[in-house]
C-alpha atoms as a PDB file:
ATOM      1  CA  MET A   1      11.519   1.337 -82.479  1.00  0.00           C
ATOM      2  CA  PRO A   2       9.564  -0.756 -85.052  1.00  0.00           C
ATOM      3  CA  ALA A   3      12.796  -2.461 -86.143  1.00  0.00           C
ATOM      4  CA  LEU A   4      13.734  -3.214 -82.542  1.00  0.00           C
ATOM      5  CA  VAL A   5      10.285  -4.651 -81.824  1.00  0.00           C
ATOM      6  CA  LYS A   6      10.518  -6.852 -84.904  1.00  0.00           C
ATOM      7  CA  LEU A   7      13.901  -8.190 -83.812  1.00  0.00           C
ATOM      8  CA  VAL A   8      13.137  -8.951 -80.159  1.00  0.00           C
ATOM      9  CA  ALA A   9       9.904 -10.679 -81.182  1.00  0.00           C
ATOM     10  CA  GLN A  10      12.094 -13.359 -82.776  1.00  0.00           C
ATOM     11  CA  LEU A  11      14.121 -14.087 -79.622  1.00  0.00           C
ATOM     12  CA  PRO A  12      13.041 -16.950 -77.314  1.00  0.00           C
ATOM     13  CA  ALA A  13      12.644 -16.669 -73.547  1.00  0.00           C
ATOM     14  CA  HIS A  14      15.431 -19.209 -73.050  1.00  0.00           C
ATOM     15  CA  LEU A  15      17.991 -17.269 -75.096  1.00  0.00           C
ATOM     16  CA  PRO A  16      21.354 -18.100 -73.437  1.00  0.00           C
ATOM     17  CA  ALA A  17      22.485 -14.476 -73.463  1.00  0.00           C
ATOM     18  CA  ALA A  18      21.491 -11.091 -72.168  1.00  0.00           C
ATOM     19  CA  VAL A  19      20.319  -8.464 -74.638  1.00  0.00           C
ATOM     20  CA  LEU A  20      21.434  -4.883 -73.972  1.00  0.00           C
ATOM     21  CA  VAL A  21      19.794  -2.201 -76.100  1.00  0.00           C
ATOM     22  CA  VAL A  22      20.637   1.405 -76.888  1.00  0.00           C
ATOM     23  CA  GLN A  23      17.901   3.282 -78.718  1.00  0.00           C
ATOM     24  CA  HIS A  24      18.136   6.997 -79.520  1.00  0.00           C
ATOM     25  CA  PHE A  25      15.164   8.665 -77.849  1.00  0.00           C
ATOM     26  CA  ALA A  26      14.472  12.208 -76.730  1.00  0.00           C
ATOM     27  CA  PRO A  27      15.875  12.902 -73.227  1.00  0.00           C
ATOM     28  CA  ASP A  28      12.374  13.371 -71.810  1.00  0.00           C
ATOM     29  CA  SER A  29      11.028  10.062 -73.176  1.00  0.00           C
ATOM     30  CA  ASP A  30       9.194   7.728 -70.825  1.00  0.00           C
ATOM     31  CA  GLY A  31      11.595   4.808 -70.467  1.00  0.00           C
ATOM     32  CA  GLU A  32       9.123   2.588 -68.644  1.00  0.00           C
ATOM     33  CA  HIS A  33       6.582   3.019 -71.423  1.00  0.00           C
ATOM     34  CA  LEU A  34       9.220   1.945 -73.960  1.00  0.00           C
ATOM     35  CA  VAL A  35      10.042  -1.148 -71.915  1.00  0.00           C
ATOM     36  CA  SER A  36       6.342  -2.039 -71.703  1.00  0.00           C
ATOM     37  CA  ARG A  37       6.037  -1.682 -75.447  1.00  0.00           C
ATOM     38  CA  LEU A  38       8.948  -4.081 -76.004  1.00  0.00           C
ATOM     39  CA  ALA A  39       7.609  -6.553 -73.422  1.00  0.00           C
ATOM     40  CA  ARG A  40       4.331  -6.893 -75.349  1.00  0.00           C
ATOM     41  CA  HIS A  41       6.241  -8.301 -78.319  1.00  0.00           C
ATOM     42  CA  THR A  42       8.905 -10.585 -76.834  1.00  0.00           C
ATOM     43  CA  ALA A  43       9.244 -13.540 -74.511  1.00  0.00           C
ATOM     44  CA  LEU A  44      12.362 -11.987 -72.984  1.00  0.00           C
ATOM     45  CA  GLN A  45      12.146 -10.341 -69.575  1.00  0.00           C
ATOM     46  CA  CYS A  46      12.389  -6.586 -70.226  1.00  0.00           C
ATOM     47  CA  ARG A  47      13.815  -4.004 -67.841  1.00  0.00           C
ATOM     48  CA  LEU A  48      14.799  -0.365 -67.891  1.00  0.00           C
ATOM     49  CA  ALA A  49      18.419  -0.645 -66.815  1.00  0.00           C
ATOM     50  CA  VAL A  50      19.545   0.829 -63.494  1.00  0.00           C
ATOM     51  CA  SER A  51      23.020   0.759 -62.013  1.00  0.00           C
ATOM     52  CA  GLY A  52      23.759  -2.471 -60.195  1.00  0.00           C
ATOM     53  CA  ASP A  53      21.328  -4.715 -62.112  1.00  0.00           C
ATOM     54  CA  ALA A  54      22.704  -8.250 -62.352  1.00  0.00           C
ATOM     55  CA  ILE A  55      23.034  -9.185 -66.017  1.00  0.00           C
ATOM     56  CA  GLU A  56      21.091 -12.392 -66.636  1.00  0.00           C
ATOM     57  CA  ALA A  57      20.449 -14.529 -69.704  1.00  0.00           C
ATOM     58  CA  GLY A  58      17.007 -14.232 -71.264  1.00  0.00           C
ATOM     59  CA  THR A  59      16.679 -10.631 -70.118  1.00  0.00           C
ATOM     60  CA  LEU A  60      16.593  -7.427 -72.152  1.00  0.00           C
ATOM     61  CA  TYR A  61      18.037  -4.249 -70.605  1.00  0.00           C
ATOM     62  CA  LEU A  62      17.081  -0.960 -72.262  1.00  0.00           C
ATOM     63  CA  ALA A  63      19.318   2.052 -71.735  1.00  0.00           C
ATOM     64  CA  PRO A  64      17.333   4.823 -70.011  1.00  0.00           C
ATOM     65  CA  PRO A  65      16.788   7.985 -72.053  1.00  0.00           C
ATOM     66  CA  ASP A  66      19.704  10.446 -71.729  1.00  0.00           C
ATOM     67  CA  CYS A  67      21.943   7.920 -69.901  1.00  0.00           C
ATOM     68  CA  HIS A  68      24.774   5.689 -71.064  1.00  0.00           C
ATOM     69  CA  LEU A  69      24.439   1.959 -70.454  1.00  0.00           C
ATOM     70  CA  LEU A  70      27.714   0.186 -69.562  1.00  0.00           C
ATOM     71  CA  VAL A  71      28.582  -3.241 -68.196  1.00  0.00           C
ATOM     72  CA  LYS A  72      31.071  -4.303 -65.530  1.00  0.00           C
ATOM     73  CA  ASN A  73      32.714  -7.421 -64.083  1.00  0.00           C
ATOM     74  CA  ARG A  74      32.611 -10.533 -66.271  1.00  0.00           C
ATOM     75  CA  ASN A  75      32.494 -12.976 -63.338  1.00  0.00           C
ATOM     76  CA  ALA A  76      29.491 -11.320 -61.657  1.00  0.00           C
ATOM     77  CA  PRO A  77      28.290  -8.952 -64.382  1.00  0.00           C
ATOM     78  CA  PHE A  78      26.135  -5.932 -63.630  1.00  0.00           C
ATOM     79  CA  THR A  79      24.970  -2.801 -65.402  1.00  0.00           C
ATOM     80  CA  LEU A  80      26.330   0.690 -64.890  1.00  0.00           C
ATOM     81  CA  VAL A  81      24.096   3.623 -65.860  1.00  0.00           C
ATOM     82  CA  THR A  82      25.778   7.035 -66.072  1.00  0.00           C
ATOM     83  CA  LYS A  83      25.121  10.602 -67.208  1.00  0.00           C
ATOM     84  CA  GLY A  84      28.609  10.741 -68.695  1.00  0.00           C
ATOM     85  CA  PRO A  85      29.633  12.996 -71.591  1.00  0.00           C
ATOM     86  CA  ARG A  86      27.969  12.435 -74.944  1.00  0.00           C
ATOM     87  CA  GLU A  87      29.757  10.342 -77.550  1.00  0.00           C
ATOM     88  CA  ASN A  88      29.150  11.267 -81.186  1.00  0.00           C
ATOM     89  CA  ASN A  89      26.564  13.674 -79.762  1.00  0.00           C
ATOM     90  CA  TYR A  90      24.499  10.829 -78.321  1.00  0.00           C
ATOM     91  CA  ARG A  91      23.550   9.810 -74.805  1.00  0.00           C
ATOM     92  CA  PRO A  92      22.941   6.945 -74.606  1.00  0.00           C
ATOM     93  CA  ALA A  93      25.600   6.114 -77.185  1.00  0.00           C
ATOM     94  CA  ILE A  94      25.870   2.769 -78.927  1.00  0.00           C
ATOM     95  CA  ASP A  95      29.656   3.120 -79.054  1.00  0.00           C
ATOM     96  CA  ALA A  96      29.863   3.451 -75.267  1.00  0.00           C
ATOM     97  CA  LEU A  97      27.866   0.247 -74.694  1.00  0.00           C
ATOM     98  CA  PHE A  98      29.740  -1.740 -77.355  1.00  0.00           C
ATOM     99  CA  ARG A  99      33.137  -0.679 -75.979  1.00  0.00           C
ATOM    100  CA  SER A 100      32.146  -1.536 -72.420  1.00  0.00           C
ATOM    101  CA  ALA A 101      30.796  -4.948 -73.433  1.00  0.00           C
ATOM    102  CA  ALA A 102      33.821  -5.702 -75.609  1.00  0.00           C
ATOM    103  CA  VAL A 103      36.278  -4.897 -72.815  1.00  0.00           C
ATOM    104  CA  THR A 104      34.267  -6.912 -70.269  1.00  0.00           C
ATOM    105  CA  TYR A 105      33.304  -9.962 -72.346  1.00  0.00           C
ATOM    106  CA  GLY A 106      35.856 -10.039 -75.179  1.00  0.00           C
ATOM    107  CA  PRO A 107      34.943 -12.605 -77.850  1.00  0.00           C
ATOM    108  CA  ALA A 108      31.650 -13.483 -76.104  1.00  0.00           C
ATOM    109  CA  VAL A 109      30.018 -10.318 -77.488  1.00  0.00           C
ATOM    110  CA  VAL A 110      27.757 -10.073 -80.524  1.00  0.00           C
ATOM    111  CA  GLY A 111      27.236  -6.466 -81.627  1.00  0.00           C
ATOM    112  CA  VAL A 112      24.220  -5.611 -83.794  1.00  0.00           C
ATOM    113  CA  VAL A 113      23.607  -2.332 -85.666  1.00  0.00           C
ATOM    114  CA  LEU A 114      20.086  -1.799 -86.984  1.00  0.00           C
ATOM    115  CA  THR A 115      18.458   0.939 -89.028  1.00  0.00           C
ATOM    116  CA  GLY A 116      19.370   4.468 -88.002  1.00  0.00           C
ATOM    117  CA  MET A 117      20.816   7.790 -89.070  1.00  0.00           C
ATOM    118  CA  LEU A 118      24.425   9.020 -88.991  1.00  0.00           C
ATOM    119  CA  HIS A 119      27.365   7.117 -87.509  1.00  0.00           C
ATOM    120  CA  ASP A 120      26.768   5.895 -83.954  1.00  0.00           C
ATOM    121  CA  GLY A 121      27.689   2.221 -83.624  1.00  0.00           C
ATOM    122  CA  THR A 122      30.397   2.074 -86.292  1.00  0.00           C
ATOM    123  CA  ALA A 123      33.305   2.667 -83.930  1.00  0.00           C
ATOM    124  CA  GLY A 124      31.602   0.408 -81.384  1.00  0.00           C
ATOM    125  CA  LEU A 125      31.472  -2.489 -83.850  1.00  0.00           C
ATOM    126  CA  GLU A 126      35.178  -2.049 -84.460  1.00  0.00           C
ATOM    127  CA  PHE A 127      35.781  -2.188 -80.677  1.00  0.00           C
ATOM    128  CA  ILE A 128      33.938  -5.521 -80.592  1.00  0.00           C
ATOM    129  CA  LYS A 129      35.923  -6.891 -83.525  1.00  0.00           C
ATOM    130  CA  ARG A 130      39.228  -5.819 -81.974  1.00  0.00           C
ATOM    131  CA  CYS A 131      38.298  -7.775 -78.845  1.00  0.00           C
ATOM    132  CA  GLY A 132      37.396 -10.926 -80.795  1.00  0.00           C
ATOM    133  CA  GLY A 133      33.618 -10.506 -80.919  1.00  0.00           C
ATOM    134  CA  VAL A 134      31.105 -10.806 -83.764  1.00  0.00           C
ATOM    135  CA  ALA A 135      29.688  -7.909 -85.806  1.00  0.00           C
ATOM    136  CA  VAL A 136      26.168  -8.098 -87.294  1.00  0.00           C
ATOM    137  CA  VAL A 137      24.575  -5.385 -89.431  1.00  0.00           C
ATOM    138  CA  GLN A 138      21.100  -5.072 -90.882  1.00  0.00           C
ATOM    139  CA  ASP A 139      21.128  -5.128 -94.668  1.00  0.00           C
ATOM    140  CA  PRO A 140      20.907  -1.433 -95.695  1.00  0.00           C
ATOM    141  CA  GLN A 141      18.361  -2.326 -98.384  1.00  0.00           C
ATOM    142  CA  ASP A 142      16.152  -3.705 -95.616  1.00  0.00           C
ATOM    143  CA  ALA A 143      16.608  -0.650 -93.355  1.00  0.00           C
ATOM    144  CA  ALA A 144      14.188   2.266 -93.150  1.00  0.00           C
ATOM    145  CA  PHE A 145      17.198   4.515 -92.490  1.00  0.00           C
ATOM    146  CA  PRO A 146      20.302   2.901 -94.025  1.00  0.00           C
ATOM    147  CA  SER A 147      22.906   5.443 -92.867  1.00  0.00           C
ATOM    148  CA  MET A 148      24.133   3.564 -89.777  1.00  0.00           C
ATOM    149  CA  PRO A 149      24.357   0.145 -91.461  1.00  0.00           C
ATOM    150  CA  GLU A 150      26.060   1.626 -94.535  1.00  0.00           C
ATOM    151  CA  THR A 151      28.649   3.494 -92.454  1.00  0.00           C
ATOM    152  CA  ALA A 152      29.448   0.367 -90.465  1.00  0.00           C
ATOM    153  CA  LEU A 153      29.865  -1.691 -93.640  1.00  0.00           C
ATOM    154  CA  ARG A 154      32.206   0.877 -95.178  1.00  0.00           C
ATOM    155  CA  THR A 155      34.480   0.914 -92.160  1.00  0.00           C
ATOM    156  CA  VAL A 156      34.327  -2.368 -90.251  1.00  0.00           C
ATOM    157  CA  SER A 157      34.942  -5.979 -91.285  1.00  0.00           C
ATOM    158  CA  VAL A 158      31.374  -7.104 -90.550  1.00  0.00           C
ATOM    159  CA  ASP A 159      30.704 -10.830 -90.096  1.00  0.00           C
ATOM    160  CA  TYR A 160      27.015 -10.970 -91.055  1.00  0.00           C
ATOM    161  CA  VAL A 161      24.793  -8.699 -93.174  1.00  0.00           C
ATOM    162  CA  LEU A 162      21.181  -9.796 -93.390  1.00  0.00           C
ATOM    163  CA  PRO A 163      17.586  -8.556 -93.293  1.00  0.00           C
ATOM    164  CA  LEU A 164      15.838  -8.082 -89.997  1.00  0.00           C
ATOM    165  CA  SER A 165      13.537 -11.059 -90.559  1.00  0.00           C
ATOM    166  CA  ARG A 166      16.499 -13.481 -90.407  1.00  0.00           C
ATOM    167  CA  MET A 167      18.427 -11.827 -87.606  1.00  0.00           C
ATOM    168  CA  GLY A 168      16.716 -13.517 -84.650  1.00  0.00           C
ATOM    169  CA  ALA A 169      17.593 -17.004 -85.906  1.00  0.00           C
ATOM    170  CA  LEU A 170      21.212 -15.928 -86.416  1.00  0.00           C
ATOM    171  CA  LEU A 171      21.501 -14.498 -82.900  1.00  0.00           C
ATOM    172  CA  GLU A 172      20.028 -17.621 -81.384  1.00  0.00           C
ATOM    173  CA  GLU A 173      22.510 -19.752 -83.330  1.00  0.00           C
ATOM    174  CA  LEU A 174      25.473 -17.561 -82.356  1.00  0.00           C
ATOM    175  CA  THR A 175      24.596 -17.501 -78.665  1.00  0.00           C
ATOM    176  CA  ARG A 176      24.179 -21.275 -78.562  1.00  0.00           C
ATOM    177  CA  GLY A 177      27.662 -21.805 -79.929  1.00  0.00           C
ATOM    178  CA  SER A 178      30.711 -22.603 -77.866  1.00  0.00           C
ATOM    179  CA  LEU A 179      31.678 -19.298 -76.281  1.00  0.00           C
ATOM    180  CA  PRO A 180      34.954 -18.595 -74.470  1.00  0.00           C
ATOM    181  CA  LYS A 181      34.919 -19.242 -70.721  1.00  0.00           C
ATOM    182  CA  ALA A 182      37.257 -16.384 -69.945  1.00  0.00           C
ATOM    183  CA  ALA A 183      37.926 -12.964 -71.360  1.00  0.00           C
ATOM    184  CA  ALA A 184      40.424 -12.899 -74.193  1.00  0.00           C
ATOM    185  CA  PRO A 185      43.913 -12.078 -72.897  1.00  0.00           C
ATOM    186  CA  SER A 186      44.456  -9.591 -75.706  1.00  0.00           C
ATOM    187  CA  ILE A 187      41.864  -6.921 -74.910  1.00  0.00           C
ATOM    188  CA  PRO A 188      43.576  -3.777 -76.294  1.00  0.00           C
ATOM    189  CA  GLU A 189      44.942  -1.461 -73.630  1.00  0.00           C
ATOM    190  CA  ASP A 190      43.580   1.653 -75.351  1.00  0.00           C
ATOM    191  CA  LEU A 191      40.032   0.288 -75.142  1.00  0.00           C
ATOM    192  CA  LYS A 192      40.506  -0.562 -71.473  1.00  0.00           C
ATOM    193  CA  GLN A 193      41.640   3.026 -70.939  1.00  0.00           C
ATOM    194  CA  GLU A 194      38.637   4.488 -72.767  1.00  0.00           C
ATOM    195  CA  ALA A 195      36.234   2.203 -70.931  1.00  0.00           C
ATOM    196  CA  ALA A 196      37.706   3.316 -67.609  1.00  0.00           C
ATOM    197  CA  ILE A 197      37.295   6.978 -68.549  1.00  0.00           C
ATOM    198  CA  ALA A 198      33.646   6.384 -69.464  1.00  0.00           C
ATOM    199  CA  GLU A 199      32.965   4.600 -66.171  1.00  0.00           C
ATOM    200  CA  ARG A 200      34.455   7.426 -64.122  1.00  0.00           C
ATOM    201  CA  VAL A 201      32.692  10.016 -66.329  1.00  0.00           C
ATOM    202  CA  VAL A 202      35.874  12.119 -66.687  1.00  0.00           C
ATOM    203  CA  GLY A 203      39.509  11.385 -67.407  1.00  0.00           C
ATOM    204  CA  THR A 204      42.790  13.289 -67.192  1.00  0.00           C
ATOM    205  CA  THR A 205      45.060  14.683 -69.877  1.00  0.00           C
ATOM    206  CA  GLU A 206      47.687  12.130 -68.843  1.00  0.00           C
ATOM    207  CA  GLU A 207      45.243   9.277 -69.469  1.00  0.00           C
ATOM    208  CA  VAL A 208      44.250  10.533 -72.909  1.00  0.00           C
ATOM    209  CA  ASP A 209      47.925  11.107 -73.768  1.00  0.00           C
ATOM    210  CA  LYS A 210      48.391   7.335 -73.488  1.00  0.00           C
ATOM    211  CA  ILE A 211      45.940   6.574 -76.295  1.00  0.00           C
ATOM    212  CA  GLY A 212      46.270   9.542 -78.645  1.00  0.00           C
ATOM    213  CA  HIS A 213      48.145  12.705 -79.558  1.00  0.00           C
ATOM    214  CA  LEU A 214      47.054  16.294 -79.116  1.00  0.00           C
ATOM    215  CA  VAL A 215      45.823  18.022 -82.287  1.00  0.00           C
ATOM    216  CA  PRO A 216      44.991  21.699 -82.997  1.00  0.00           C
ATOM    217  CA  LEU A 217      41.240  21.126 -82.739  1.00  0.00           C
ATOM    218  CA  THR A 218      38.729  21.913 -80.015  1.00  0.00           C
ATOM    219  CA  CYS A 219      35.837  19.884 -78.674  1.00  0.00           C
ATOM    220  CA  PRO A 220      32.545  21.252 -80.062  1.00  0.00           C
ATOM    221  CA  ASP A 221      30.758  20.283 -76.828  1.00  0.00           C
ATOM    222  CA  CYS A 222      33.019  21.742 -74.143  1.00  0.00           C
ATOM    223  CA  GLY A 223      35.688  23.742 -75.994  1.00  0.00           C
ATOM    224  CA  GLY A 224      38.554  21.660 -74.598  1.00  0.00           C
ATOM    225  CA  ASN A 225      41.527  20.293 -76.491  1.00  0.00           C
ATOM    226  CA  LEU A 226      41.077  17.216 -78.658  1.00  0.00           C
ATOM    227  CA  TRP A 227      43.306  14.185 -78.993  1.00  0.00           C
ATOM    228  CA  GLU A 228      43.337  12.078 -82.174  1.00  0.00           C
ATOM    229  CA  LEU A 229      43.195   8.451 -81.090  1.00  0.00           C
ATOM    230  CA  GLU A 230      45.943   6.283 -82.513  1.00  0.00           C
ATOM    231  CA  HIS A 231      44.373   2.820 -82.587  1.00  0.00           C
ATOM    232  CA  GLY A 232      41.827   1.139 -84.847  1.00  0.00           C
ATOM    233  CA  GLN A 233      40.667   1.887 -88.375  1.00  0.00           C
ATOM    234  CA  VAL A 234      37.937   4.387 -87.443  1.00  0.00           C
ATOM    235  CA  GLN A 235      39.388   7.889 -87.232  1.00  0.00           C
ATOM    236  CA  ARG A 236      38.282   9.246 -83.848  1.00  0.00           C
ATOM    237  CA  TYR A 237      38.882  12.131 -81.463  1.00  0.00           C
ATOM    238  CA  ARG A 238      38.199  12.655 -77.777  1.00  0.00           C
ATOM    239  CA  CYS A 239      38.709  15.311 -75.121  1.00  0.00           C
ATOM    240  CA  HIS A 240      39.820  14.498 -71.591  1.00  0.00           C
ATOM    241  CA  THR A 241      36.339  15.409 -70.331  1.00  0.00           C
ATOM    242  CA  GLY A 242      35.035  12.325 -72.118  1.00  0.00           C
ATOM    243  CA  HIS A 243      33.346  13.643 -75.263  1.00  0.00           C
ATOM    244  CA  SER A 244      34.199  11.448 -78.232  1.00  0.00           C
ATOM    245  CA  PHE A 245      33.682  11.875 -81.979  1.00  0.00           C
ATOM    246  CA  THR A 246      34.362  10.047 -85.193  1.00  0.00           C
ATOM    247  CA  ALA A 247      35.976  12.231 -87.864  1.00  0.00           C
ATOM    248  CA  ASP A 248      32.700  12.358 -89.834  1.00  0.00           C
ATOM    249  CA  VAL A 249      30.737  13.637 -86.850  1.00  0.00           C
ATOM    250  CA  LEU A 250      33.434  16.161 -85.941  1.00  0.00           C
ATOM    251  CA  LEU A 251      33.396  17.482 -89.516  1.00  0.00           C
ATOM    252  CA  ARG A 252      29.619  17.849 -89.381  1.00  0.00           C
ATOM    253  CA  GLU A 253      29.858  19.677 -86.059  1.00  0.00           C
ATOM    254  CA  SER A 254      32.468  22.079 -87.433  1.00  0.00           C
ATOM    255  CA  GLN A 255      30.131  22.839 -90.350  1.00  0.00           C
ATOM    256  CA  HIS A 256      27.329  23.684 -87.905  1.00  0.00           C
ATOM    257  CA  SER A 257      29.647  25.913 -85.853  1.00  0.00           C
ATOM    258  CA  LEU A 258      30.850  27.688 -88.980  1.00  0.00           C
ATOM    259  CA  GLU A 259      27.296  28.352 -90.121  1.00  0.00           C
ATOM    260  CA  GLU A 260      26.307  29.742 -86.715  1.00  0.00           C
ATOM    261  CA  THR A 261      29.372  32.016 -86.723  1.00  0.00           C
ATOM    262  CA  LEU A 262      28.553  33.333 -90.189  1.00  0.00           C
ATOM    263  CA  TRP A 263      24.960  34.120 -89.194  1.00  0.00           C
ATOM    264  CA  VAL A 264      26.291  36.107 -86.232  1.00  0.00           C
ATOM    265  CA  ALA A 265      28.703  37.912 -88.558  1.00  0.00           C
ATOM    266  CA  LEU A 266      25.828  38.729 -90.928  1.00  0.00           C
ATOM    267  CA  ARG A 267      23.760  40.168 -88.093  1.00  0.00           C
ATOM    268  CA  MET A 268      26.660  42.336 -86.885  1.00  0.00           C
ATOM    269  CA  MET A 269      27.396  43.612 -90.395  1.00  0.00           C
ATOM    270  CA  GLU A 270      23.747  44.553 -90.934  1.00  0.00           C
ATOM    271  CA  GLU A 271      23.651  46.327 -87.592  1.00  0.00           C
ATOM    272  CA  ARG A 272      26.821  48.247 -88.519  1.00  0.00           C
ATOM    273  CA  ARG A 273      25.345  49.191 -91.898  1.00  0.00           C
ATOM    274  CA  ASN A 274      22.135  50.424 -90.237  1.00  0.00           C
ATOM    275  CA  LEU A 275      24.120  52.481 -87.751  1.00  0.00           C
ATOM    276  CA  LEU A 276      26.264  54.046 -90.474  1.00  0.00           C
ATOM    277  CA  SER A 277      23.123  54.861 -92.503  1.00  0.00           C
ATOM    278  CA  SER A 278      21.542  56.530 -89.483  1.00  0.00           C
ATOM    279  CA  MET A 279      24.684  58.562 -88.827  1.00  0.00           C
ATOM    280  CA  ALA A 280      24.993  59.559 -92.496  1.00  0.00           C
ATOM    281  CA  SER A 281      21.418  60.860 -92.582  1.00  0.00           C
ATOM    282  CA  ARG A 282      22.318  63.330 -89.849  1.00  0.00           C
ATOM    283  CA  ASP A 283      25.830  64.186 -91.062  1.00  0.00           C
ATOM    284  CA  ALA A 284      26.199  67.363 -93.119  1.00  0.00           C
ATOM    285  CA  SER A 285      30.012  67.405 -92.890  1.00  0.00           C
ATOM    286  CA  PRO A 286      32.399  67.105 -95.843  1.00  0.00           C
ATOM    287  CA  TYR A 287      32.977  63.476 -94.815  1.00  0.00           C
ATOM    288  CA  ALA A 288      29.435  62.412 -95.710  1.00  0.00           C
ATOM    289  CA  PRO A 289      30.450  61.087 -99.184  1.00  0.00           C
ATOM    290  CA  GLN A 290      33.080  58.870 -97.525  1.00  0.00           C
ATOM    291  CA  GLN A 291      30.434  57.553 -95.169  1.00  0.00           C
ATOM    292  CA  ALA A 292      28.234  56.746 -98.145  1.00  0.00           C
ATOM    293  CA  GLU A 293      31.108  54.787 -99.749  1.00  0.00           C
ATOM    294  CA  ARG A 294      31.599  52.808 -96.552  1.00  0.00           C
ATOM    295  CA  ILE A 295      27.892  51.988 -96.449  1.00  0.00           C
ATOM    296  CA  GLU A 296      27.922  50.810-100.081  1.00  0.00           C
ATOM    297  CA  GLU A 297      30.980  48.650 -99.464  1.00  0.00           C
ATOM    298  CA  LEU A 298      29.424  47.121 -96.368  1.00  0.00           C
ATOM    299  CA  LYS A 299      26.181  46.510 -98.271  1.00  0.00           C
ATOM    300  CA  LYS A 300      28.137  44.457-100.832  1.00  0.00           C
ATOM    301  CA  HIS A 301      29.656  42.344 -98.057  1.00  0.00           C
ATOM    302  CA  VAL A 302      26.229  41.804 -96.491  1.00  0.00           C
ATOM    303  CA  ASN A 303      24.753  40.739 -99.832  1.00  0.00           C
ATOM    304  CA  ARG A 304      27.585  38.337-100.548  1.00  0.00           C
ATOM    305  CA  LEU A 305      27.501  36.741 -97.106  1.00  0.00           C
ATOM    306  CA  ARG A 306      23.718  36.454 -97.140  1.00  0.00           C
ATOM    307  CA  GLU A 307      23.794  34.778-100.558  1.00  0.00           C
ATOM    308  CA  PHE A 308      26.523  32.420 -99.382  1.00  0.00           C
ATOM    309  CA  LEU A 309      24.470  31.329 -96.387  1.00  0.00           C
ATOM    310  CA  LEU A 310      21.274  30.871 -98.364  1.00  0.00           C
ATOM    311  CA  SER A 311      22.878  29.236-101.374  1.00  0.00           C
ATOM    312  CA  SER A 312      23.322  25.517-101.865  1.00  0.00           C
ATOM    313  CA  SER A 313      26.907  26.177-102.995  1.00  0.00           C
ATOM    314  CA  THR A 314      28.434  25.516 -99.599  1.00  0.00           C
ATOM    315  CA  PRO A 315      32.093  24.534 -99.056  1.00  0.00           C
ATOM    316  CA  HIS A 316      31.305  20.919 -98.060  1.00  0.00           C
ATOM    317  CA  ARG A 317      29.876  20.347-101.554  1.00  0.00           C
ATOM    318  CA  GLY A 318      33.288  20.833-103.063  1.00  0.00           C
ATOM    319  CA  THR A 319      33.037  24.427-104.258  1.00  0.00           C
ATOM    320  CA  ASP A 320      33.981  27.863-103.049  1.00  0.00           C
ATOM    321  CA  VAL A 321      32.112  29.687-105.805  1.00  0.00           C
ATOM    322  CA  VAL A 322      29.496  32.088-104.504  1.00  0.00           C
ATOM    323  CA  PRO A 323      26.775  33.287-106.904  1.00  0.00           C
ATOM    324  CA  GLU A 324      26.528  36.989-107.559  1.00  0.00           C
ATOM    325  CA  PRO A 325      24.124  38.331-104.910  1.00  0.00           C
ATOM    326  CA  GLU A 326      20.952  40.210-105.545  1.00  0.00           C
ATOM    327  CA  GLU A 327      20.955  43.797-104.440  1.00  0.00           C
ATOM    328  CA  TYR A 328      20.187  44.391-100.763  1.00  0.00           C
ATOM    329  CA  ASP A 329      18.611  47.723 -99.820  1.00  0.00           C
END
């Protein structure tokens, strides 16, 4: 929020463009309070976006917490606010707004990625570039959290990289340039398809088949099949429900799922060991020594799995070596 305040404070009231903002807030945040905070620092008119708002120059529209902000209809533009599926685990998602704007306005879009964590916005900047727009990224050395700017710079052919203090002047200069009067005729069909799915909240398998191919992976959000999308430089996946992920985010999600599964396995193994120990303490049969062997074997597995989970030597660090565990009693 401090970076956003610093940027909008540089923009004049007569800016010949609308400013649409996605900020990652908690779902229960007070959107009106956030708008009031922005309004104290900028000459722009500030609104919490609602569906059907006419998009006007000199106005800032903030995506409501836990809702996507989209745009529609270049000739009489208006906002569309939805509770659609998360993209890259975010709602609102920067990628969803950038894609919607790029499909609607083509080369008349300037996309800006500021300080932030993880990867949201990288794919969206590529959408804008593919539709003829301009990509601007805050200099990572100037960013409190450089992850988002750095990821965008690694993946997308960014037009401008500069510190926040110089960004307002650049945006004013870009928006006062000669912009196209009509949408570019070459808006990619796959982006039109994805934008349509986002607007309707859910798609069909036939629609996703047109823009990608089915892969043996499942959506971490809904458990449905995933399609690998075939266009653009950013490796991405989506399910027909509407959830969308870059490859980096999907890998991170699979790591979380794996860890949760292993913790469940550890709990079940410990419960089995405890049950076998309880049974062995009451068993005077000739099979008691075999039970004791089973308990010892299970105890080794529990120790090894526990050490694996607690160790820093995890698979994503490039090693499958697990330190010898301490004895578990």
